[in-house]
């Protein structure tokens, strides 16, 4: 099975906050509470896979019955 690693973009905490419409501080709270997946760390940078954030949004939609 071949995996296309390049198709899953990494985004910053600022970008995640923009997508979810909240503050960066709230993103870190959501990670701490286990609501969002943990970030991938590279040195001092934290990044999330777009697919993880899309999955979170899909889960929210399913919870409200959409």
N, C-alpha and C. Protein backbone atom coordinates (compact mmCIF):
# COMPACT_ATOMS: atom_id res chain seq x y z
N UNK A 1 0.85 -1.17 0.00
CA UNK A 1 0.00 0.00 0.00
C UNK A 1 0.90 1.24 0.00
N UNK A 2 0.65 2.16 -0.93
CA UNK A 2 1.45 3.37 -1.03
C UNK A 2 0.71 4.52 -0.37
N UNK A 3 1.43 5.31 0.42
CA UNK A 3 0.81 6.43 1.13
C UNK A 3 1.27 7.74 0.51
N UNK A 4 0.34 8.63 0.20
CA UNK A 4 0.67 9.93 -0.35
C UNK A 4 0.78 10.94 0.79
N UNK A 5 1.97 11.04 1.36
CA UNK A 5 2.21 11.89 2.53
C UNK A 5 2.04 13.37 2.18
N UNK A 6 2.38 13.76 0.97
CA UNK A 6 2.35 15.16 0.58
C UNK A 6 0.93 15.72 0.46
N UNK A 7 -0.07 14.86 0.42
CA UNK A 7 -1.44 15.35 0.25
C UNK A 7 -2.03 15.90 1.55
N UNK A 8 -1.39 15.68 2.68
CA UNK A 8 -1.92 16.15 3.97
C UNK A 8 -1.06 17.29 4.49
N UNK A 9 -1.52 18.50 4.26
CA UNK A 9 -0.80 19.71 4.63
C UNK A 9 -0.78 19.91 6.14
N UNK A 10 0.30 20.48 6.66
CA UNK A 10 0.40 20.84 8.07
C UNK A 10 0.07 22.32 8.22
N UNK A 11 -0.72 22.66 9.25
CA UNK A 11 -1.09 24.05 9.48
C UNK A 11 -0.76 24.46 10.92
N UNK A 12 -0.54 25.75 11.11
CA UNK A 12 -0.13 26.30 12.41
C UNK A 12 -1.32 26.48 13.35
N UNK A 13 -1.01 26.77 14.60
CA UNK A 13 -2.05 27.03 15.60
C UNK A 13 -2.88 28.24 15.19
N UNK A 14 -2.23 29.24 14.61
CA UNK A 14 -2.95 30.42 14.14
C UNK A 14 -3.96 30.05 13.06
N UNK A 15 -3.56 29.20 12.13
CA UNK A 15 -4.47 28.77 11.07
C UNK A 15 -5.60 27.91 11.61
N UNK A 16 -5.30 27.03 12.57
CA UNK A 16 -6.34 26.21 13.18
C UNK A 16 -7.36 27.11 13.88
N UNK A 17 -6.87 28.11 14.61
CA UNK A 17 -7.77 29.04 15.30
C UNK A 17 -8.66 29.79 14.31
N UNK A 18 -8.11 30.18 13.17
CA UNK A 18 -8.90 30.86 12.15
C UNK A 18 -9.99 29.95 11.60
N UNK A 19 -9.63 28.71 11.33
CA UNK A 19 -10.60 27.74 10.80
C UNK A 19 -11.74 27.50 11.79
N UNK A 20 -11.39 27.38 13.07
CA UNK A 20 -12.39 27.06 14.09
C UNK A 20 -13.06 28.30 14.68
N UNK A 21 -12.56 29.48 14.32
CA UNK A 21 -13.18 30.72 14.80
C UNK A 21 -13.00 30.95 16.29
N UNK A 22 -11.82 30.66 16.79
CA UNK A 22 -11.55 30.87 18.20
C UNK A 22 -10.11 31.36 18.37
N UNK A 23 -9.69 31.57 19.60
CA UNK A 23 -8.34 32.06 19.86
C UNK A 23 -7.33 30.91 19.86
N UNK A 24 -6.07 31.27 19.72
CA UNK A 24 -5.00 30.27 19.80
C UNK A 24 -4.98 29.64 21.19
N UNK A 25 -5.24 30.45 22.20
CA UNK A 25 -5.28 29.93 23.57
C UNK A 25 -6.37 28.85 23.71
N UNK A 26 -7.51 29.08 23.08
CA UNK A 26 -8.60 28.10 23.13
C UNK A 26 -8.19 26.80 22.43
N UNK A 27 -7.42 26.90 21.36
CA UNK A 27 -6.93 25.69 20.68
C UNK A 27 -6.10 24.86 21.65
N UNK A 28 -5.20 25.50 22.37
CA UNK A 28 -4.36 24.77 23.33
C UNK A 28 -5.20 24.16 24.45
N UNK A 29 -6.25 24.85 24.89
CA UNK A 29 -7.16 24.27 25.90
C UNK A 29 -7.85 23.02 25.35
N UNK A 30 -8.29 23.11 24.10
CA UNK A 30 -8.98 21.98 23.47
C UNK A 30 -8.05 20.77 23.34
N UNK A 31 -6.78 21.03 23.04
CA UNK A 31 -5.79 19.94 22.97
C UNK A 31 -5.60 19.34 24.37
N UNK A 32 -5.45 20.19 25.35
CA UNK A 32 -5.24 19.73 26.73
C UNK A 32 -6.42 18.89 27.22
N UNK A 33 -7.64 19.27 26.82
CA UNK A 33 -8.84 18.54 27.23
C UNK A 33 -9.10 17.30 26.38
N UNK A 34 -8.28 17.08 25.36
CA UNK A 34 -8.44 15.90 24.50
C UNK A 34 -9.49 16.08 23.42
N UNK A 35 -10.00 17.28 23.26
CA UNK A 35 -11.02 17.55 22.24
C UNK A 35 -10.41 17.61 20.84
N UNK A 36 -9.21 18.17 20.74
CA UNK A 36 -8.46 18.21 19.48
C UNK A 36 -7.25 17.30 19.60
N UNK A 37 -6.80 16.73 18.47
CA UNK A 37 -5.59 15.91 18.53
C UNK A 37 -4.37 16.76 18.86
N UNK A 38 -3.36 16.12 19.38
CA UNK A 38 -2.12 16.81 19.69
C UNK A 38 -1.42 17.25 18.41
N UNK A 39 -0.65 18.30 18.53
CA UNK A 39 0.09 18.83 17.40
C UNK A 39 1.33 17.99 17.13
N UNK A 40 1.79 18.06 15.89
CA UNK A 40 3.07 17.49 15.50
C UNK A 40 4.12 18.54 15.85
N UNK A 41 5.16 18.17 16.54
CA UNK A 41 6.19 19.13 16.96
C UNK A 41 7.44 18.96 16.10
N UNK A 42 7.95 20.09 15.64
CA UNK A 42 9.23 20.16 14.94
C UNK A 42 10.00 21.31 15.56
N UNK A 43 10.91 20.99 16.47
CA UNK A 43 11.60 22.04 17.21
C UNK A 43 10.60 22.77 18.09
N UNK A 44 10.50 24.09 17.91
CA UNK A 44 9.56 24.89 18.70
C UNK A 44 8.24 25.11 17.98
N UNK A 45 8.10 24.54 16.80
CA UNK A 45 6.87 24.73 16.02
C UNK A 45 5.87 23.63 16.31
N UNK A 46 4.61 24.00 16.32
CA UNK A 46 3.51 23.04 16.48
C UNK A 46 2.64 23.13 15.23
N UNK A 47 2.32 22.00 14.65
CA UNK A 47 1.51 21.96 13.44
C UNK A 47 0.50 20.83 13.54
N UNK A 48 -0.65 21.02 12.88
CA UNK A 48 -1.69 20.00 12.82
C UNK A 48 -1.88 19.58 11.38
N UNK A 49 -2.22 18.32 11.19
CA UNK A 49 -2.60 17.85 9.86
C UNK A 49 -3.99 18.40 9.54
N UNK A 50 -4.15 18.90 8.33
CA UNK A 50 -5.46 19.40 7.90
C UNK A 50 -6.52 18.32 8.08
N UNK A 51 -6.17 17.09 7.79
CA UNK A 51 -7.15 16.01 7.90
C UNK A 51 -7.63 15.82 9.34
N UNK A 52 -6.77 16.08 10.33
CA UNK A 52 -7.19 15.98 11.73
C UNK A 52 -8.22 17.05 12.06
N UNK A 53 -8.00 18.26 11.56
CA UNK A 53 -8.94 19.35 11.82
C UNK A 53 -10.24 19.11 11.06
N UNK A 54 -10.14 18.63 9.83
CA UNK A 54 -11.35 18.29 9.06
C UNK A 54 -12.14 17.20 9.77
N UNK A 55 -11.44 16.21 10.32
CA UNK A 55 -12.10 15.14 11.07
C UNK A 55 -12.81 15.67 12.30
N UNK A 56 -12.19 16.62 12.98
CA UNK A 56 -12.83 17.25 14.15
C UNK A 56 -14.10 17.97 13.74
N UNK A 57 -14.04 18.73 12.65
CA UNK A 57 -15.23 19.43 12.16
C UNK A 57 -16.34 18.46 11.75
N UNK A 58 -15.96 17.37 11.12
CA UNK A 58 -16.94 16.36 10.71
C UNK A 58 -17.61 15.75 11.94
N UNK A 59 -16.82 15.50 12.99
CA UNK A 59 -17.37 14.94 14.23
C UNK A 59 -18.38 15.91 14.84
N UNK A 60 -18.07 17.21 14.81
CA UNK A 60 -19.02 18.21 15.31
C UNK A 60 -20.33 18.18 14.53
N UNK A 61 -20.23 18.07 13.21
CA UNK A 61 -21.42 18.01 12.36
C UNK A 61 -22.28 16.79 12.69
N UNK A 62 -21.61 15.66 12.88
CA UNK A 62 -22.32 14.42 13.19
C UNK A 62 -23.02 14.53 14.54
N UNK A 63 -22.38 15.18 15.51
CA UNK A 63 -22.97 15.33 16.84
C UNK A 63 -24.26 16.15 16.81
N UNK A 64 -24.32 17.10 15.91
CA UNK A 64 -25.54 17.92 15.84
C UNK A 64 -26.52 17.41 14.79
N UNK A 65 -26.20 16.28 14.18
CA UNK A 65 -27.15 15.62 13.29
C UNK A 65 -27.17 16.15 11.87
N UNK A 66 -26.05 16.73 11.42
CA UNK A 66 -26.00 17.26 10.04
C UNK A 66 -25.38 16.24 9.14
